[in-house]
Amino acid sequence: MKITYYRNLNDTEKYATSKKQLKYQLLNNNELSICFGLTRQFKFDSRCPNTNRPIIKGNVIATASYQRDRTIGIYFFPISRDAYPEKAKNHQNTHYP
């Protein structure tokens, strides 16, 4: 598993998970790549036709993709701390071994 951070967050932002949580929850798979903050927000691939795009309301906090080289990519986007749901804040305080 390869985990990469591309940007430091402002004090008003956070990610929906942490590196420690991911290591605990996911198997150590060499074909898995996790990126935090590659871009500031989610944007559809330009090759995706406008007619096939779903309408998304709310914040996209993560995406997953399966590449041609048979690797899996998981990408996390920062979210404003004010927009982060209270239930999720409580869950993120859970301690992992």
Protein backbone atom coordinates (compact mmCIF):
# COMPACT_ATOMS: atom_id res chain seq x y z
CA MET A 1 0.00 0.00 0.00
CA LYS A 2 1.40 3.36 -1.00
CA ILE A 3 0.07 6.46 0.79
CA THR A 4 0.89 9.92 -0.54
CA TYR A 5 0.11 13.42 0.76
CA TYR A 6 0.12 16.20 -1.84
CA ARG A 7 -0.82 19.22 0.23
CA ASN A 8 -0.91 20.48 3.77
CA LEU A 9 -4.32 21.50 4.99
CA ASN A 10 -5.45 24.85 6.32
CA ASP A 11 -6.65 24.93 9.95
CA THR A 12 -10.24 25.04 8.63
CA GLU A 13 -9.96 21.80 6.62
CA LYS A 14 -9.63 18.10 7.30
CA TYR A 15 -9.74 14.73 5.55
CA ALA A 16 -12.46 12.17 6.24
CA THR A 17 -9.91 9.65 7.49
CA SER A 18 -6.29 9.38 8.54
CA LYS A 19 -3.30 7.35 7.45
CA LYS A 20 -3.46 5.38 10.70
CA GLN A 21 -7.14 4.51 10.21
CA LEU A 22 -6.51 3.37 6.64
CA LYS A 23 -3.61 1.14 7.64
CA TYR A 24 -5.80 -0.48 10.30
CA GLN A 25 -8.89 -0.92 8.07
CA LEU A 26 -7.29 -1.97 4.76
CA LEU A 27 -5.11 -4.93 3.92
CA ASN A 28 -1.51 -4.12 3.07
CA ASN A 29 -1.90 -4.55 -0.69
CA ASN A 30 0.94 -3.54 -3.02
CA GLU A 31 -1.61 -2.78 -5.74
CA LEU A 32 -3.35 -0.11 -3.66
CA SER A 33 -2.46 3.56 -3.95
CA ILE A 34 -3.99 6.16 -1.61
CA CYS A 35 -3.62 9.88 -2.28
CA PHE A 36 -4.59 12.72 0.04
CA GLY A 37 -5.16 16.12 -1.55
CA LEU A 38 -4.05 15.50 -5.13
CA THR A 39 -6.60 18.18 -6.03
CA ARG A 40 -8.55 20.59 -3.84
CA GLN A 41 -11.96 19.27 -4.95
CA PHE A 42 -13.52 16.52 -7.04
CA LYS A 43 -13.95 17.11 -10.77
CA PHE A 44 -15.24 14.67 -13.37
CA ASP A 45 -12.77 13.36 -15.92
CA SER A 46 -12.94 15.54 -19.05
CA ARG A 47 -13.37 12.40 -21.17
CA CYS A 48 -16.70 11.66 -19.44
CA PRO A 49 -19.54 13.02 -21.61
CA ASN A 50 -21.76 15.61 -19.93
CA THR A 51 -24.88 13.59 -20.73
CA ASN A 52 -23.69 10.63 -18.62
CA ARG A 53 -22.57 12.55 -15.56
CA PRO A 54 -24.72 12.25 -12.44
CA ILE A 55 -25.74 15.39 -10.58
CA ILE A 56 -23.88 15.47 -7.29
CA LYS A 57 -25.19 17.50 -4.37
CA GLY A 58 -22.93 17.93 -1.39
CA ASN A 59 -19.25 17.29 -0.87
CA VAL A 60 -17.25 14.51 -2.48
CA ILE A 61 -14.72 13.38 0.11
CA ALA A 62 -13.23 10.36 -1.70
CA THR A 63 -13.15 8.56 -5.03
CA ALA A 64 -11.91 5.14 -6.07
CA SER A 65 -10.71 3.92 -9.43
CA TYR A 66 -9.39 0.75 -10.99
CA GLN A 67 -6.53 1.38 -13.40
CA ARG A 68 -5.53 -0.51 -16.54
CA ASP A 69 -2.41 -1.79 -14.81
CA ARG A 70 -4.73 -3.51 -12.28
CA THR A 71 -4.02 -1.16 -9.41
CA ILE A 72 -6.63 0.47 -7.23
CA GLY A 73 -6.48 4.19 -6.49
CA ILE A 74 -8.32 5.86 -3.61
CA TYR A 75 -8.24 9.66 -3.57
CA PHE A 76 -9.29 11.83 -0.62
CA PHE A 77 -10.31 15.47 -0.91
CA PRO A 78 -10.21 18.02 1.92
CA ILE A 79 -13.47 19.16 3.46
CA SER A 80 -14.26 22.21 5.57
CA ARG A 81 -14.37 21.40 9.29
CA ASP A 82 -17.66 23.32 9.50
CA ALA A 83 -19.24 21.09 6.83
CA TYR A 84 -18.01 17.86 8.45
CA PRO A 85 -20.98 16.01 10.07
CA GLU A 86 -21.02 15.66 13.86
CA LYS A 87 -21.48 11.86 13.67
CA ALA A 88 -18.37 11.55 11.54
CA LYS A 89 -16.36 13.68 13.97
CA ASN A 90 -17.23 11.24 16.78
CA HIS A 91 -16.25 8.27 14.62
CA GLN A 92 -12.89 9.77 13.75
CA ASN A 93 -12.05 10.00 17.45
CA THR A 94 -12.16 6.19 17.67
CA HIS A 95 -8.74 4.86 18.65
CA TYR A 96 -7.13 2.07 16.66
CA PRO A 97 -4.32 -0.18 17.88
